[in-house]
């Protein structure tokens, strides 16, 4: 039983691929948590894929209370380029994921038996919806396959000390492609939710460490990435601009200048008027 539960948990990683039949038996009702999905903003094909999973989900679980230091512009850049984000994580030794962009989305491999495909379904302000399909295989164990819809809601806040933090909440809808596995998941529903919680939080610990490095040492991070010959130079240069967008040039910092968002106006009648 422990082995079976572990397999269920491993499906609940962010990296999950196989195809399935498009035949539908009719539109089943959606769970209440599906209200988080902006259905009217999905294209017809994506809406079909997402609804198929959400309506037939065996597990629906929400993970919240995820906090980490983050700058919104860095967060947005990495989530807009997940293949590059996976490269950055490997350089910083925060994960073994491989992500490759394709015409339809992204192929992914976690290096531990989970392979699949995922695509961002929609970005709606602070909310992102991802559609994933994949399989998990290890020697001497049956291959598991399933589909997953993740709703990620992230709000960036600034504390009284001026530090910027990201607060994230993730809701997952999991559907197995095997009826036997669906039966198993129902039997161990509560424990499976606990395992999903731990898997999502483990993934965000990697996100937190990458984000913390970008927040605390953007110059060092930019230099380390620039030394990696396998990374695309153009993307590294773009990310460097994002990392250092909040920093003044060294000569300006030496003069004690600081960035401010306060409006600046000239006083025509002041002492500097000509």
C-alpha atoms as a PDB file:
ATOM      1  CA  UNK A   1       0.000   0.000   0.000  1.00  0.00           C
ATOM      2  CA  UNK A   2       2.837   2.406   0.787  1.00  0.00           C
ATOM      3  CA  UNK A   3       4.285   1.888  -2.663  1.00  0.00           C
ATOM      4  CA  UNK A   4       0.929   2.626  -4.268  1.00  0.00           C
ATOM      5  CA  UNK A   5       0.496   5.798  -2.244  1.00  0.00           C
ATOM      6  CA  UNK A   6       3.954   6.961  -3.180  1.00  0.00           C
ATOM      7  CA  UNK A   7       3.125   6.495  -6.845  1.00  0.00           C
ATOM      8  CA  UNK A   8      -0.032   8.563  -6.445  1.00  0.00           C
ATOM      9  CA  UNK A   9       2.032  11.320  -4.832  1.00  0.00           C
ATOM     10  CA  UNK A  10       4.655  11.305  -7.554  1.00  0.00           C
ATOM     11  CA  UNK A  11       2.012  12.078 -10.152  1.00  0.00           C
ATOM     12  CA  UNK A  12       1.290  15.265  -8.296  1.00  0.00           C
ATOM     13  CA  UNK A  13       4.504  16.963  -9.353  1.00  0.00           C
ATOM     14  CA  UNK A  14       4.487  20.026 -11.512  1.00  0.00           C
ATOM     15  CA  UNK A  15       6.100  18.026 -14.330  1.00  0.00           C
ATOM     16  CA  UNK A  16       3.633  15.549 -15.718  1.00  0.00           C
ATOM     17  CA  UNK A  17       2.319  13.385 -21.001  1.00  0.00           C
ATOM     18  CA  UNK A  18       0.260  10.937 -22.875  1.00  0.00           C
ATOM     19  CA  UNK A  19      -2.645  11.590 -25.163  1.00  0.00           C
ATOM     20  CA  UNK A  20      -6.154  10.357 -24.544  1.00  0.00           C
ATOM     21  CA  UNK A  21      -9.408   9.922 -26.394  1.00  0.00           C
ATOM     22  CA  UNK A  22     -11.419  13.050 -27.123  1.00  0.00           C
ATOM     23  CA  UNK A  23     -14.709  11.176 -26.715  1.00  0.00           C
ATOM     24  CA  UNK A  24     -16.928  12.617 -24.019  1.00  0.00           C
ATOM     25  CA  UNK A  25     -19.912  11.055 -22.304  1.00  0.00           C
ATOM     26  CA  UNK A  26     -21.498  14.430 -21.640  1.00  0.00           C
ATOM     27  CA  UNK A  27     -20.689  17.536 -19.591  1.00  0.00           C
ATOM     28  CA  UNK A  28     -20.382  16.406 -15.951  1.00  0.00           C
ATOM     29  CA  UNK A  29     -20.821  19.025 -13.210  1.00  0.00           C
ATOM     30  CA  UNK A  30     -17.818  21.057 -12.144  1.00  0.00           C
ATOM     31  CA  UNK A  31     -16.548  21.144  -8.544  1.00  0.00           C
ATOM     32  CA  UNK A  32     -16.970  24.443  -6.647  1.00  0.00           C
ATOM     33  CA  UNK A  33     -13.227  25.156  -6.845  1.00  0.00           C
ATOM     34  CA  UNK A  34     -13.591  25.428 -10.637  1.00  0.00           C
ATOM     35  CA  UNK A  35     -14.942  28.947 -10.119  1.00  0.00           C
ATOM     36  CA  UNK A  36     -11.310  30.062  -9.831  1.00  0.00           C
ATOM     37  CA  UNK A  37     -10.782  29.343 -13.533  1.00  0.00           C
ATOM     38  CA  UNK A  38     -11.606  32.228 -15.926  1.00  0.00           C
ATOM     39  CA  UNK A  39     -13.525  30.029 -18.363  1.00  0.00           C
ATOM     40  CA  UNK A  40     -14.619  32.906 -20.574  1.00  0.00           C
ATOM     41  CA  UNK A  41     -10.985  33.753 -21.335  1.00  0.00           C
ATOM     42  CA  UNK A  42      -9.943  30.274 -22.472  1.00  0.00           C
ATOM     43  CA  UNK A  43      -9.963  29.412 -26.156  1.00  0.00           C
ATOM     44  CA  UNK A  44     -12.309  26.586 -27.138  1.00  0.00           C
ATOM     45  CA  UNK A  45      -9.652  23.873 -27.423  1.00  0.00           C
ATOM     46  CA  UNK A  46      -7.965  24.761 -24.132  1.00  0.00           C
ATOM     47  CA  UNK A  47     -11.323  25.057 -22.379  1.00  0.00           C
ATOM     48  CA  UNK A  48     -12.193  21.527 -23.552  1.00  0.00           C
ATOM     49  CA  UNK A  49      -8.895  20.131 -22.215  1.00  0.00           C
ATOM     50  CA  UNK A  50      -9.198  21.913 -18.879  1.00  0.00           C
ATOM     51  CA  UNK A  51     -12.874  21.066 -18.361  1.00  0.00           C
ATOM     52  CA  UNK A  52     -12.234  17.408 -19.156  1.00  0.00           C
ATOM     53  CA  UNK A  53      -9.784  17.229 -16.251  1.00  0.00           C
ATOM     54  CA  UNK A  54     -11.638  19.453 -13.790  1.00  0.00           C
ATOM     55  CA  UNK A  55     -15.016  17.763 -14.268  1.00  0.00           C
ATOM     56  CA  UNK A  56     -13.508  14.291 -13.889  1.00  0.00           C
ATOM     57  CA  UNK A  57     -11.014  15.122 -11.161  1.00  0.00           C
ATOM     58  CA  UNK A  58     -10.530  12.471  -8.482  1.00  0.00           C
ATOM     59  CA  UNK A  59      -8.542  14.841  -6.305  1.00  0.00           C
ATOM     60  CA  UNK A  60      -9.147  18.564  -5.819  1.00  0.00           C
ATOM     61  CA  UNK A  61      -6.827  20.178  -3.324  1.00  0.00           C
ATOM     62  CA  UNK A  62      -5.717  23.681  -2.390  1.00  0.00           C
ATOM     63  CA  UNK A  63      -2.313  24.585  -0.961  1.00  0.00           C
ATOM     64  CA  UNK A  64      -1.843  28.041   0.517  1.00  0.00           C
ATOM     65  CA  UNK A  65       0.374  29.841   3.002  1.00  0.00           C
ATOM     66  CA  UNK A  66       3.335  29.926   0.587  1.00  0.00           C
ATOM     67  CA  UNK A  67       5.458  33.030   1.169  1.00  0.00           C
ATOM     68  CA  UNK A  68       8.874  33.981  -0.184  1.00  0.00           C
ATOM     69  CA  UNK A  69      10.843  37.110  -1.034  1.00  0.00           C
ATOM     70  CA  UNK A  70      10.282  37.986  -4.639  1.00  0.00           C
ATOM     71  CA  UNK A  71      10.253  40.854  -7.114  1.00  0.00           C
ATOM     72  CA  UNK A  72       7.254  40.734  -9.389  1.00  0.00           C
ATOM     73  CA  UNK A  73       9.224  41.444 -12.557  1.00  0.00           C
ATOM     74  CA  UNK A  74      11.574  38.503 -11.862  1.00  0.00           C
ATOM     75  CA  UNK A  75       8.642  36.222 -11.034  1.00  0.00           C
ATOM     76  CA  UNK A  76       6.793  37.183 -14.224  1.00  0.00           C
ATOM     77  CA  UNK A  77       9.873  36.661 -16.402  1.00  0.00           C
ATOM     78  CA  UNK A  78      10.635  33.173 -15.094  1.00  0.00           C
ATOM     79  CA  UNK A  79       7.038  31.980 -15.326  1.00  0.00           C
ATOM     80  CA  UNK A  80       6.822  33.389 -18.854  1.00  0.00           C
ATOM     81  CA  UNK A  81       9.912  31.339 -19.821  1.00  0.00           C
ATOM     82  CA  UNK A  82       9.662  28.008 -17.931  1.00  0.00           C
ATOM     83  CA  UNK A  83      12.362  26.380 -20.077  1.00  0.00           C
ATOM     84  CA  UNK A  84      14.823  29.088 -19.053  1.00  0.00           C
ATOM     85  CA  UNK A  85      13.603  28.928 -15.435  1.00  0.00           C
ATOM     86  CA  UNK A  86      14.407  25.198 -15.356  1.00  0.00           C
ATOM     87  CA  UNK A  87      17.907  25.968 -16.663  1.00  0.00           C
ATOM     88  CA  UNK A  88      18.403  28.590 -13.952  1.00  0.00           C
ATOM     89  CA  UNK A  89      17.257  26.142 -11.268  1.00  0.00           C
ATOM     90  CA  UNK A  90      19.756  23.522 -12.455  1.00  0.00           C
ATOM     91  CA  UNK A  91      22.600  26.047 -12.509  1.00  0.00           C
ATOM     92  CA  UNK A  92      21.746  26.963  -8.908  1.00  0.00           C
ATOM     93  CA  UNK A  93      21.402  23.256  -8.026  1.00  0.00           C
ATOM     94  CA  UNK A  94      17.729  23.696  -7.184  1.00  0.00           C
ATOM     95  CA  UNK A  95      16.171  20.903  -9.164  1.00  0.00           C
ATOM     96  CA  UNK A  96      16.892  18.449 -11.969  1.00  0.00           C
ATOM     97  CA  UNK A  97      14.070  19.468 -14.272  1.00  0.00           C
ATOM     98  CA  UNK A  98      14.498  19.659 -18.047  1.00  0.00           C
ATOM     99  CA  UNK A  99      11.961  21.708 -19.977  1.00  0.00           C
ATOM    100  CA  UNK A 100      11.916  22.135 -23.759  1.00  0.00           C
ATOM    101  CA  UNK A 101       9.644  24.494 -25.653  1.00  0.00           C
ATOM    102  CA  UNK A 102       7.574  23.038 -28.506  1.00  0.00           C
ATOM    103  CA  UNK A 103       5.013  24.465 -30.903  1.00  0.00           C
ATOM    104  CA  UNK A 104       2.179  23.275 -28.620  1.00  0.00           C
ATOM    105  CA  UNK A 105       3.689  24.040 -25.215  1.00  0.00           C
ATOM    106  CA  UNK A 106       6.522  22.472 -23.229  1.00  0.00           C
ATOM    107  CA  UNK A 107       7.923  18.977 -22.837  1.00  0.00           C
ATOM    108  CA  UNK A 108       9.249  18.234 -19.360  1.00  0.00           C
ATOM    109  CA  UNK A 109      11.296  15.596 -17.537  1.00  0.00           C
ATOM    110  CA  UNK A 110      12.026  15.701 -13.822  1.00  0.00           C
ATOM    111  CA  UNK A 111      14.944  13.252 -14.087  1.00  0.00           C
ATOM    112  CA  UNK A 112      13.237  10.814 -11.720  1.00  0.00           C
ATOM    113  CA  UNK A 113      10.753   9.000 -13.935  1.00  0.00           C
ATOM    114  CA  UNK A 114       8.138  11.703 -14.546  1.00  0.00           C
ATOM    115  CA  UNK A 115       7.789  12.886 -18.136  1.00  0.00           C
ATOM    116  CA  UNK A 116       5.107  14.814 -19.891  1.00  0.00           C
ATOM    117  CA  UNK A 117       3.747  17.914 -21.492  1.00  0.00           C
ATOM    118  CA  UNK A 118       2.354  21.132 -20.099  1.00  0.00           C
ATOM    119  CA  UNK A 119       1.074  24.438 -21.377  1.00  0.00           C
ATOM    120  CA  UNK A 120       0.076  27.708 -19.751  1.00  0.00           C
ATOM    121  CA  UNK A 121      -3.676  27.862 -20.354  1.00  0.00           C
ATOM    122  CA  UNK A 122      -4.179  31.497 -19.375  1.00  0.00           C
ATOM    123  CA  UNK A 123      -2.570  34.373 -17.502  1.00  0.00           C
ATOM    124  CA  UNK A 124      -5.280  36.487 -15.891  1.00  0.00           C
ATOM    125  CA  UNK A 125      -3.666  39.178 -13.766  1.00  0.00           C
ATOM    126  CA  UNK A 126      -2.258  37.485 -10.656  1.00  0.00           C
ATOM    127  CA  UNK A 127      -3.793  34.146 -11.665  1.00  0.00           C
ATOM    128  CA  UNK A 128      -2.224  31.531 -13.927  1.00  0.00           C
ATOM    129  CA  UNK A 129      -3.814  28.295 -15.102  1.00  0.00           C
ATOM    130  CA  UNK A 130      -1.679  25.393 -16.325  1.00  0.00           C
ATOM    131  CA  UNK A 131      -2.741  22.255 -18.120  1.00  0.00           C
ATOM    132  CA  UNK A 132      -0.501  19.181 -17.718  1.00  0.00           C
ATOM    133  CA  UNK A 133      -0.579  15.596 -18.919  1.00  0.00           C
ATOM    134  CA  UNK A 134       2.043  12.990 -18.185  1.00  0.00           C
ATOM    135  CA  UNK A 135       3.223   9.645 -16.978  1.00  0.00           C
ATOM    136  CA  UNK A 136       5.448   8.276 -14.248  1.00  0.00           C
ATOM    137  CA  UNK A 137       7.479   5.116 -14.724  1.00  0.00           C
ATOM    138  CA  UNK A 138      10.060   3.349 -12.586  1.00  0.00           C
ATOM    139  CA  UNK A 139      11.530  -0.156 -12.975  1.00  0.00           C
ATOM    140  CA  UNK A 140       9.441  -2.953 -11.429  1.00  0.00           C
ATOM    141  CA  UNK A 141       6.486  -0.601 -10.950  1.00  0.00           C
ATOM    142  CA  UNK A 142       3.402  -0.028 -13.143  1.00  0.00           C
ATOM    143  CA  UNK A 143       3.360   3.064 -15.320  1.00  0.00           C
ATOM    144  CA  UNK A 144       0.965   5.735 -14.091  1.00  0.00           C
ATOM    145  CA  UNK A 145      -0.579   8.328 -16.371  1.00  0.00           C
ATOM    146  CA  UNK A 146      -2.871  11.224 -15.694  1.00  0.00           C
ATOM    147  CA  UNK A 147      -3.779  14.818 -16.286  1.00  0.00           C
ATOM    148  CA  UNK A 148      -3.573  17.805 -13.988  1.00  0.00           C
ATOM    149  CA  UNK A 149      -4.872  21.369 -13.982  1.00  0.00           C
ATOM    150  CA  UNK A 150      -3.114  23.808 -11.679  1.00  0.00           C
ATOM    151  CA  UNK A 151      -4.452  27.227 -10.734  1.00  0.00           C
ATOM    152  CA  UNK A 152      -1.686  29.430  -9.338  1.00  0.00           C
ATOM    153  CA  UNK A 153      -2.669  32.703  -7.683  1.00  0.00           C
ATOM    154  CA  UNK A 154       0.226  34.916  -6.651  1.00  0.00           C
ATOM    155  CA  UNK A 155       0.026  38.325  -5.022  1.00  0.00           C
ATOM    156  CA  UNK A 156       3.113  40.468  -4.419  1.00  0.00           C
ATOM    157  CA  UNK A 157       3.081  42.570  -1.262  1.00  0.00           C
ATOM    158  CA  UNK A 158       5.522  45.013   0.318  1.00  0.00           C
ATOM    159  CA  UNK A 159       6.063  44.809   4.072  1.00  0.00           C
ATOM    160  CA  UNK A 160       6.652  47.866   6.326  1.00  0.00           C
ATOM    161  CA  UNK A 161      10.411  47.431   5.921  1.00  0.00           C
ATOM    162  CA  UNK A 162      10.153  47.769   2.142  1.00  0.00           C
ATOM    163  CA  UNK A 163      10.809  44.113   1.281  1.00  0.00           C
ATOM    164  CA  UNK A 164       8.718  42.588  -1.505  1.00  0.00           C
ATOM    165  CA  UNK A 165       7.124  39.186  -0.877  1.00  0.00           C
ATOM    166  CA  UNK A 166       5.082  36.805  -3.003  1.00  0.00           C
ATOM    167  CA  UNK A 167       2.087  35.060  -1.451  1.00  0.00           C
ATOM    168  CA  UNK A 168       1.029  32.022  -3.487  1.00  0.00           C
ATOM    169  CA  UNK A 169      -1.980  29.720  -3.455  1.00  0.00           C
ATOM    170  CA  UNK A 170      -2.212  26.634  -5.671  1.00  0.00           C
ATOM    171  CA  UNK A 171      -5.314  24.596  -6.463  1.00  0.00           C
ATOM    172  CA  UNK A 172      -4.820  21.262  -8.219  1.00  0.00           C
ATOM    173  CA  UNK A 173      -7.341  19.116 -10.106  1.00  0.00           C
ATOM    174  CA  UNK A 174      -6.037  15.599 -10.787  1.00  0.00           C
ATOM    175  CA  UNK A 175      -7.579  13.029 -13.113  1.00  0.00           C
ATOM    176  CA  UNK A 176      -6.092   9.579 -13.681  1.00  0.00           C
ATOM    177  CA  UNK A 177      -6.247   7.891 -17.068  1.00  0.00           C
ATOM    178  CA  UNK A 178      -6.762   4.505 -15.384  1.00  0.00           C
ATOM    179  CA  UNK A 179     -10.019   3.597 -13.636  1.00  0.00           C
ATOM    180  CA  UNK A 180      -8.212   1.313 -11.151  1.00  0.00           C
ATOM    181  CA  UNK A 181      -6.019   4.194 -10.044  1.00  0.00           C
ATOM    182  CA  UNK A 182      -9.084   6.402  -9.688  1.00  0.00           C
ATOM    183  CA  UNK A 183     -10.579   3.817  -7.335  1.00  0.00           C
ATOM    184  CA  UNK A 184      -7.378   3.702  -5.344  1.00  0.00           C
ATOM    185  CA  UNK A 185      -7.269   7.467  -5.081  1.00  0.00           C
ATOM    186  CA  UNK A 186     -10.800   7.556  -3.678  1.00  0.00           C
ATOM    187  CA  UNK A 187      -9.911   4.979  -1.025  1.00  0.00           C
ATOM    188  CA  UNK A 188      -6.917   6.988   0.149  1.00  0.00           C
ATOM    189  CA  UNK A 189      -8.313  10.436  -0.642  1.00  0.00           C
ATOM    190  CA  UNK A 190      -7.314  12.180   2.586  1.00  0.00           C
ATOM    191  CA  UNK A 191      -3.781  10.800   2.578  1.00  0.00           C
ATOM    192  CA  UNK A 192      -3.374  11.591  -1.115  1.00  0.00           C
ATOM    193  CA  UNK A 193      -4.301  15.213  -0.462  1.00  0.00           C
ATOM    194  CA  UNK A 194      -1.632  15.357   2.213  1.00  0.00           C
ATOM    195  CA  UNK A 195       0.903  13.979  -0.255  1.00  0.00           C
ATOM    196  CA  UNK A 196      -0.171  16.500  -2.904  1.00  0.00           C
ATOM    197  CA  UNK A 197       0.322  19.255  -0.356  1.00  0.00           C
ATOM    198  CA  UNK A 198       3.863  18.122   0.383  1.00  0.00           C
ATOM    199  CA  UNK A 199       4.782  17.766  -3.300  1.00  0.00           C
ATOM    200  CA  UNK A 200       3.567  21.258  -4.177  1.00  0.00           C
ATOM    201  CA  UNK A 201       5.302  22.796  -1.172  1.00  0.00           C
ATOM    202  CA  UNK A 202       8.511  20.965  -2.084  1.00  0.00           C
ATOM    203  CA  UNK A 203       8.371  22.445  -5.589  1.00  0.00           C
ATOM    204  CA  UNK A 204       7.855  25.926  -4.186  1.00  0.00           C
ATOM    205  CA  UNK A 205      10.836  25.499  -1.882  1.00  0.00           C
ATOM    206  CA  UNK A 206      12.910  25.339  -5.074  1.00  0.00           C
ATOM    207  CA  UNK A 207      11.070  28.419  -6.363  1.00  0.00           C
ATOM    208  CA  UNK A 208      11.720  30.171  -3.057  1.00  0.00           C
ATOM    209  CA  UNK A 209      15.470  29.517  -3.141  1.00  0.00           C
ATOM    210  CA  UNK A 210      15.843  30.708  -6.733  1.00  0.00           C
ATOM    211  CA  UNK A 211      13.746  33.787  -5.954  1.00  0.00           C
ATOM    212  CA  UNK A 212      15.731  34.488  -2.780  1.00  0.00           C
ATOM    213  CA  UNK A 213      19.001  34.393  -4.729  1.00  0.00           C
ATOM    214  CA  UNK A 214      17.567  36.772  -7.331  1.00  0.00           C
ATOM    215  CA  UNK A 215      16.348  39.090  -4.553  1.00  0.00           C
ATOM    216  CA  UNK A 216      19.421  39.106  -2.325  1.00  0.00           C
ATOM    217  CA  UNK A 217      22.220  38.868  -4.900  1.00  0.00           C
ATOM    218  CA  UNK A 218      20.984  39.881  -8.369  1.00  0.00           C
ATOM    219  CA  UNK A 219      24.452  40.921  -9.581  1.00  0.00           C
ATOM    220  CA  UNK A 220      26.044  37.661  -8.471  1.00  0.00           C
ATOM    221  CA  UNK A 221      23.243  35.634  -9.989  1.00  0.00           C
ATOM    222  CA  UNK A 222      23.515  37.493 -13.296  1.00  0.00           C
ATOM    223  CA  UNK A 223      27.277  36.922 -13.397  1.00  0.00           C
ATOM    224  CA  UNK A 224      26.919  33.219 -12.608  1.00  0.00           C
ATOM    225  CA  UNK A 225      24.383  32.734 -15.388  1.00  0.00           C
ATOM    226  CA  UNK A 226      26.553  34.665 -17.841  1.00  0.00           C
ATOM    227  CA  UNK A 227      29.356  32.148 -17.257  1.00  0.00           C
ATOM    228  CA  UNK A 228      27.179  29.234 -18.386  1.00  0.00           C
ATOM    229  CA  UNK A 229      27.996  28.460 -22.050  1.00  0.00           C
ATOM    230  CA  UNK A 230      24.923  26.235 -22.485  1.00  0.00           C
ATOM    231  CA  UNK A 231      22.432  28.982 -21.655  1.00  0.00           C
ATOM    232  CA  UNK A 232      21.056  31.115 -24.511  1.00  0.00           C
ATOM    233  CA  UNK A 233      23.002  34.376 -24.393  1.00  0.00           C
ATOM    234  CA  UNK A 234      20.070  36.496 -25.532  1.00  0.00           C
ATOM    235  CA  UNK A 235      17.779  35.160 -22.802  1.00  0.00           C
ATOM    236  CA  UNK A 236      20.500  35.577 -20.178  1.00  0.00           C
ATOM    237  CA  UNK A 237      20.938  39.207 -21.253  1.00  0.00           C
ATOM    238  CA  UNK A 238      17.188  39.807 -21.034  1.00  0.00           C
ATOM    239  CA  UNK A 239      17.056  38.260 -17.570  1.00  0.00           C
ATOM    240  CA  UNK A 240      20.019  40.359 -16.434  1.00  0.00           C
ATOM    241  CA  UNK A 241      18.091  43.499 -17.337  1.00  0.00           C
ATOM    242  CA  UNK A 242      15.147  42.268 -15.295  1.00  0.00           C
ATOM    243  CA  UNK A 243      17.344  41.306 -12.339  1.00  0.00           C
ATOM    244  CA  UNK A 244      19.056  44.710 -12.213  1.00  0.00           C
ATOM    245  CA  UNK A 245      16.125  46.915 -13.216  1.00  0.00           C
ATOM    246  CA  UNK A 246      15.739  48.149  -9.634  1.00  0.00           C
ATOM    247  CA  UNK A 247      19.443  48.971  -9.199  1.00  0.00           C
ATOM    248  CA  UNK A 248      21.149  52.287  -9.932  1.00  0.00           C
ATOM    249  CA  UNK A 249      24.449  52.386 -11.827  1.00  0.00           C
ATOM    250  CA  UNK A 250      27.478  52.075  -9.540  1.00  0.00           C
ATOM    251  CA  UNK A 251      28.475  55.702 -10.079  1.00  0.00           C
ATOM    252  CA  UNK A 252      25.004  56.849  -8.955  1.00  0.00           C
ATOM    253  CA  UNK A 253      25.132  54.699  -5.842  1.00  0.00           C
ATOM    254  CA  UNK A 254      28.592  56.127  -5.062  1.00  0.00           C
ATOM    255  CA  UNK A 255      27.041  59.611  -5.069  1.00  0.00           C
ATOM    256  CA  UNK A 256      24.365  58.456  -2.654  1.00  0.00           C
ATOM    257  CA  UNK A 257      21.513  58.749  -5.154  1.00  0.00           C
ATOM    258  CA  UNK A 258      18.408  56.690  -4.624  1.00  0.00           C
ATOM    259  CA  UNK A 259      15.461  55.690  -6.810  1.00  0.00           C
ATOM    260  CA  UNK A 260      12.198  57.370  -5.875  1.00  0.00           C
ATOM    261  CA  UNK A 261       8.697  57.294  -7.243  1.00  0.00           C
ATOM    262  CA  UNK A 262       7.840  60.727  -5.833  1.00  0.00           C
ATOM    263  CA  UNK A 263       6.801  63.195  -8.565  1.00  0.00           C
ATOM    264  CA  UNK A 264       9.422  65.786  -9.481  1.00  0.00           C
ATOM    265  CA  UNK A 265       8.485  69.239 -10.727  1.00  0.00           C
ATOM    266  CA  UNK A 266      10.445  72.395 -11.413  1.00  0.00           C
ATOM    267  CA  UNK A 267       9.467  75.571  -9.620  1.00  0.00           C
ATOM    268  CA  UNK A 268       9.652  78.439 -12.132  1.00  0.00           C
ATOM    269  CA  UNK A 269       9.841  80.965  -9.323  1.00  0.00           C
ATOM    270  CA  UNK A 270      12.483  79.155  -7.326  1.00  0.00           C
ATOM    271  CA  UNK A 271      16.085  80.152  -6.778  1.00  0.00           C
ATOM    272  CA  UNK A 272      17.257  78.055  -9.758  1.00  0.00           C
ATOM    273  CA  UNK A 273      14.939  79.780 -12.235  1.00  0.00           C
ATOM    274  CA  UNK A 274      16.663  81.636 -15.080  1.00  0.00           C
END
